[in-house]
Amino acid sequence: MISTGEEVAAIAEHEHMPEVAAAAFANYVLEQEHDPARLKEMIVDDFRVAVRARRFEHAQELFMALRHFLAEYPQARSQRAPGRSGR
């Protein structure tokens, strides 16, 4: 289960949805699809966008959300979301 506001905010930003909907979506993905890698990739994508836009404070928030997420779902560290290729 997604447990921090930062994680929910990152998913909401990526999916362009309200945070309440993002929390439900994230929990659905984790419970139904068993795919923490998909959520990890969303946070990483948002982090990259923030860095490119020179929004370093926001990038730092996303990085902290990613660290917490990976601490909760270590299996996502070595997984790549389906349909994603290496960069």
N, C-alpha and C. Protein backbone atom coordinates (compact mmCIF):
# COMPACT_ATOMS: atom_id res chain seq x y z
N MET A 1 0.84 -1.18 0.00
CA MET A 1 0.00 0.00 0.00
C MET A 1 0.89 1.24 0.00
N ILE A 2 0.55 2.21 -0.83
CA ILE A 2 1.27 3.47 -0.89
C ILE A 2 1.05 4.18 0.44
N SER A 3 2.15 4.63 1.07
CA SER A 3 2.01 5.12 2.44
C SER A 3 2.40 6.57 2.67
N THR A 4 2.95 7.25 1.69
CA THR A 4 3.33 8.64 1.95
C THR A 4 2.65 9.58 0.97
N GLY A 5 2.47 10.80 1.44
CA GLY A 5 1.89 11.83 0.59
C GLY A 5 2.75 12.12 -0.62
N GLU A 6 4.09 12.02 -0.45
CA GLU A 6 5.00 12.29 -1.56
C GLU A 6 4.82 11.26 -2.67
N GLU A 7 4.66 10.01 -2.30
CA GLU A 7 4.45 8.97 -3.31
C GLU A 7 3.14 9.19 -4.04
N VAL A 8 2.09 9.50 -3.31
CA VAL A 8 0.78 9.75 -3.92
C VAL A 8 0.87 10.97 -4.83
N ALA A 9 1.53 12.02 -4.38
CA ALA A 9 1.65 13.24 -5.18
C ALA A 9 2.41 12.97 -6.48
N ALA A 10 3.44 12.13 -6.40
CA ALA A 10 4.21 11.80 -7.60
C ALA A 10 3.36 11.05 -8.61
N ILE A 11 2.57 10.09 -8.15
CA ILE A 11 1.70 9.34 -9.05
C ILE A 11 0.62 10.25 -9.61
N ALA A 12 0.06 11.12 -8.78
CA ALA A 12 -0.97 12.07 -9.23
C ALA A 12 -0.41 12.98 -10.32
N GLU A 13 0.82 13.45 -10.13
CA GLU A 13 1.45 14.31 -11.13
C GLU A 13 1.64 13.57 -12.44
N HIS A 14 2.14 12.36 -12.36
CA HIS A 14 2.41 11.58 -13.56
C HIS A 14 1.14 11.25 -14.33
N GLU A 15 0.10 10.89 -13.61
CA GLU A 15 -1.14 10.45 -14.24
C GLU A 15 -2.14 11.59 -14.45
N HIS A 16 -1.78 12.79 -14.01
CA HIS A 16 -2.65 13.97 -14.16
C HIS A 16 -4.03 13.71 -13.57
N MET A 17 -4.03 13.35 -12.29
CA MET A 17 -5.28 13.05 -11.60
C MET A 17 -5.20 13.57 -10.17
N PRO A 18 -6.34 13.75 -9.52
CA PRO A 18 -6.34 14.18 -8.12
C PRO A 18 -5.62 13.14 -7.24
N GLU A 19 -5.09 13.60 -6.12
CA GLU A 19 -4.34 12.71 -5.25
C GLU A 19 -5.18 11.55 -4.72
N VAL A 20 -6.44 11.79 -4.44
CA VAL A 20 -7.30 10.70 -3.95
C VAL A 20 -7.38 9.60 -5.01
N ALA A 21 -7.57 9.98 -6.25
CA ALA A 21 -7.63 9.01 -7.33
C ALA A 21 -6.27 8.33 -7.52
N ALA A 22 -5.19 9.09 -7.36
CA ALA A 22 -3.85 8.52 -7.51
C ALA A 22 -3.57 7.47 -6.45
N ALA A 23 -4.01 7.72 -5.22
CA ALA A 23 -3.81 6.74 -4.15
C ALA A 23 -4.54 5.44 -4.48
N ALA A 24 -5.77 5.57 -4.95
CA ALA A 24 -6.54 4.38 -5.32
C ALA A 24 -5.90 3.66 -6.50
N PHE A 25 -5.46 4.40 -7.49
CA PHE A 25 -4.82 3.83 -8.67
C PHE A 25 -3.54 3.07 -8.28
N ALA A 26 -2.72 3.70 -7.46
CA ALA A 26 -1.46 3.08 -7.05
C ALA A 26 -1.72 1.80 -6.28
N ASN A 27 -2.67 1.83 -5.38
CA ASN A 27 -2.98 0.62 -4.62
C ASN A 27 -3.54 -0.47 -5.53
N TYR A 28 -4.33 -0.08 -6.52
CA TYR A 28 -4.85 -1.06 -7.48
C TYR A 28 -3.69 -1.73 -8.23
N VAL A 29 -2.78 -0.92 -8.73
CA VAL A 29 -1.64 -1.46 -9.49
C VAL A 29 -0.85 -2.43 -8.62
N LEU A 30 -0.60 -2.05 -7.39
CA LEU A 30 0.18 -2.92 -6.52
C LEU A 30 -0.57 -4.20 -6.15
N GLU A 31 -1.86 -4.09 -5.89
CA GLU A 31 -2.62 -5.25 -5.45
C GLU A 31 -3.05 -6.16 -6.60
N GLN A 32 -3.50 -5.58 -7.70
CA GLN A 32 -4.04 -6.36 -8.80
C GLN A 32 -2.97 -6.79 -9.79
N GLU A 33 -2.10 -5.88 -10.13
CA GLU A 33 -1.09 -6.18 -11.14
C GLU A 33 0.22 -6.62 -10.52
N HIS A 34 0.36 -6.45 -9.22
CA HIS A 34 1.60 -6.81 -8.53
C HIS A 34 2.81 -6.23 -9.26
N ASP A 35 2.73 -4.95 -9.57
CA ASP A 35 3.75 -4.35 -10.42
C ASP A 35 4.31 -3.06 -9.82
N PRO A 36 5.13 -3.17 -8.77
CA PRO A 36 5.73 -1.97 -8.22
C PRO A 36 6.68 -1.28 -9.21
N ALA A 37 7.20 -2.03 -10.18
CA ALA A 37 8.09 -1.42 -11.17
C ALA A 37 7.36 -0.34 -11.97
N ARG A 38 6.10 -0.55 -12.24
CA ARG A 38 5.32 0.44 -12.99
C ARG A 38 5.24 1.75 -12.22
N LEU A 39 4.99 1.67 -10.92
CA LEU A 39 4.92 2.89 -10.11
C LEU A 39 6.30 3.54 -9.97
N LYS A 40 7.33 2.70 -9.84
CA LYS A 40 8.70 3.25 -9.77
C LYS A 40 9.01 4.05 -11.02
N GLU A 41 8.67 3.52 -12.18
CA GLU A 41 8.95 4.21 -13.44
C GLU A 41 8.20 5.55 -13.52
N MET A 42 6.99 5.61 -12.96
CA MET A 42 6.25 6.87 -12.96
C MET A 42 6.99 7.93 -12.15
N ILE A 43 7.47 7.55 -10.98
CA ILE A 43 8.19 8.49 -10.14
C ILE A 43 9.49 8.91 -10.81
N VAL A 44 10.20 7.97 -11.40
CA VAL A 44 11.46 8.27 -12.09
C VAL A 44 11.21 9.22 -13.27
N ASP A 45 10.16 8.97 -14.03
CA ASP A 45 9.82 9.85 -15.16
C ASP A 45 9.58 11.28 -14.67
N ASP A 46 8.81 11.42 -13.60
CA ASP A 46 8.53 12.75 -13.05
C ASP A 46 9.81 13.42 -12.56
N PHE A 47 10.70 12.64 -11.95
CA PHE A 47 11.99 13.16 -11.49
C PHE A 47 12.79 13.72 -12.66
N ARG A 48 12.85 12.96 -13.75
CA ARG A 48 13.59 13.41 -14.92
C ARG A 48 13.02 14.70 -15.50
N VAL A 49 11.70 14.78 -15.56
CA VAL A 49 11.04 16.00 -16.06
C VAL A 49 11.40 17.18 -15.17
N ALA A 50 11.35 16.99 -13.87
CA ALA A 50 11.66 18.07 -12.93
C ALA A 50 13.11 18.54 -13.08
N VAL A 51 14.04 17.62 -13.25
CA VAL A 51 15.45 18.00 -13.42
C VAL A 51 15.64 18.76 -14.73
N ARG A 52 15.04 18.26 -15.81
CA ARG A 52 15.16 18.95 -17.10
C ARG A 52 14.58 20.37 -17.03
N ALA A 53 13.53 20.54 -16.24
CA ALA A 53 12.89 21.85 -16.10
C ALA A 53 13.60 22.71 -15.04
N ARG A 54 14.67 22.17 -14.49
CA ARG A 54 15.45 22.87 -13.46
C ARG A 54 14.61 23.19 -12.23
N ARG A 55 13.67 22.30 -11.94
CA ARG A 55 12.84 22.41 -10.73
C ARG A 55 13.47 21.49 -9.68
N PHE A 56 14.61 21.93 -9.19
CA PHE A 56 15.42 21.06 -8.34
C PHE A 56 14.80 20.76 -6.99
N GLU A 57 14.05 21.69 -6.43
CA GLU A 57 13.39 21.40 -5.16
C GLU A 57 12.34 20.30 -5.35
N HIS A 58 11.60 20.40 -6.43
CA HIS A 58 10.60 19.36 -6.72
C HIS A 58 11.30 18.03 -7.03
N ALA A 59 12.39 18.08 -7.76
CA ALA A 59 13.14 16.86 -8.06
C ALA A 59 13.61 16.20 -6.76
N GLN A 60 14.03 17.01 -5.81
CA GLN A 60 14.46 16.47 -4.52
C GLN A 60 13.29 15.78 -3.80
N GLU A 61 12.10 16.38 -3.85
CA GLU A 61 10.92 15.75 -3.25
C GLU A 61 10.62 14.41 -3.91
N LEU A 62 10.71 14.38 -5.24
CA LEU A 62 10.46 13.14 -5.96
C LEU A 62 11.50 12.09 -5.66
N PHE A 63 12.75 12.51 -5.51
CA PHE A 63 13.82 11.59 -5.18
C PHE A 63 13.57 10.96 -3.81
N MET A 64 13.15 11.76 -2.86
CA MET A 64 12.85 11.24 -1.52
C MET A 64 11.66 10.27 -1.58
N ALA A 65 10.66 10.60 -2.39
CA ALA A 65 9.53 9.69 -2.55
C ALA A 65 10.00 8.37 -3.16
N LEU A 66 10.89 8.46 -4.14
CA LEU A 66 11.42 7.25 -4.78
C LEU A 66 12.20 6.41 -3.77
N ARG A 67 13.04 7.04 -2.98
CA ARG A 67 13.81 6.31 -1.96
C ARG A 67 12.88 5.57 -1.01
N HIS A 68 11.85 6.26 -0.55
CA HIS A 68 10.91 5.62 0.37
C HIS A 68 10.18 4.47 -0.32
N PHE A 69 9.75 4.70 -1.55
CA PHE A 69 9.04 3.66 -2.30
C PHE A 69 9.92 2.43 -2.45
N LEU A 70 11.17 2.61 -2.81
CA LEU A 70 12.07 1.47 -3.00
C LEU A 70 12.38 0.77 -1.69
N ALA A 71 12.35 1.51 -0.59
CA ALA A 71 12.53 0.87 0.72
C ALA A 71 11.33 -0.03 1.04
N GLU A 72 10.15 0.40 0.63
CA GLU A 72 8.94 -0.38 0.86
C GLU A 72 8.79 -1.54 -0.13
N TYR A 73 9.26 -1.34 -1.36
CA TYR A 73 9.12 -2.34 -2.43
C TYR A 73 10.49 -2.60 -3.07
N PRO A 74 11.40 -3.25 -2.34
CA PRO A 74 12.75 -3.46 -2.88
C PRO A 74 12.77 -4.27 -4.17
N GLN A 75 11.73 -5.08 -4.40
CA GLN A 75 11.70 -5.86 -5.64
C GLN A 75 11.60 -4.96 -6.86
N ALA A 76 11.15 -3.73 -6.70
CA ALA A 76 11.04 -2.80 -7.83
C ALA A 76 12.40 -2.29 -8.28
N ARG A 77 13.42 -2.44 -7.44
CA ARG A 77 14.76 -1.96 -7.79
C ARG A 77 15.30 -2.62 -9.06
N SER A 78 15.08 -3.90 -9.18
CA SER A 78 15.67 -4.64 -10.30
C SER A 78 14.67 -4.91 -11.41
N GLN A 79 13.44 -4.49 -11.22
CA GLN A 79 12.42 -4.73 -12.25
C GLN A 79 12.31 -3.51 -13.15
N ARG A 80 11.91 -3.77 -14.37
CA ARG A 80 11.57 -2.70 -15.31
C ARG A 80 10.11 -2.90 -15.66
N ALA A 81 9.39 -1.81 -15.74
CA ALA A 81 7.97 -1.89 -16.06
C ALA A 81 7.80 -2.52 -17.45
N PRO A 82 6.75 -3.33 -17.65
CA PRO A 82 6.51 -3.92 -18.96
C PRO A 82 6.41 -2.84 -20.04
N GLY A 83 7.02 -3.12 -21.18
CA GLY A 83 6.96 -2.15 -22.27
C GLY A 83 8.00 -1.06 -22.19
N ARG A 84 8.86 -1.09 -21.17
CA ARG A 84 9.89 -0.07 -21.01
C ARG A 84 11.21 -0.66 -21.50
N SER A 85 11.94 0.14 -22.22
CA SER A 85 13.26 -0.31 -22.66
C SER A 85 14.31 0.44 -21.89
N GLY A 86 15.52 -0.08 -21.87
CA GLY A 86 16.62 0.59 -21.17
C GLY A 86 16.94 1.93 -21.81
N ARG A 87 17.45 2.85 -20.98
CA ARG A 87 17.82 4.19 -21.49
C ARG A 87 19.27 4.42 -21.37
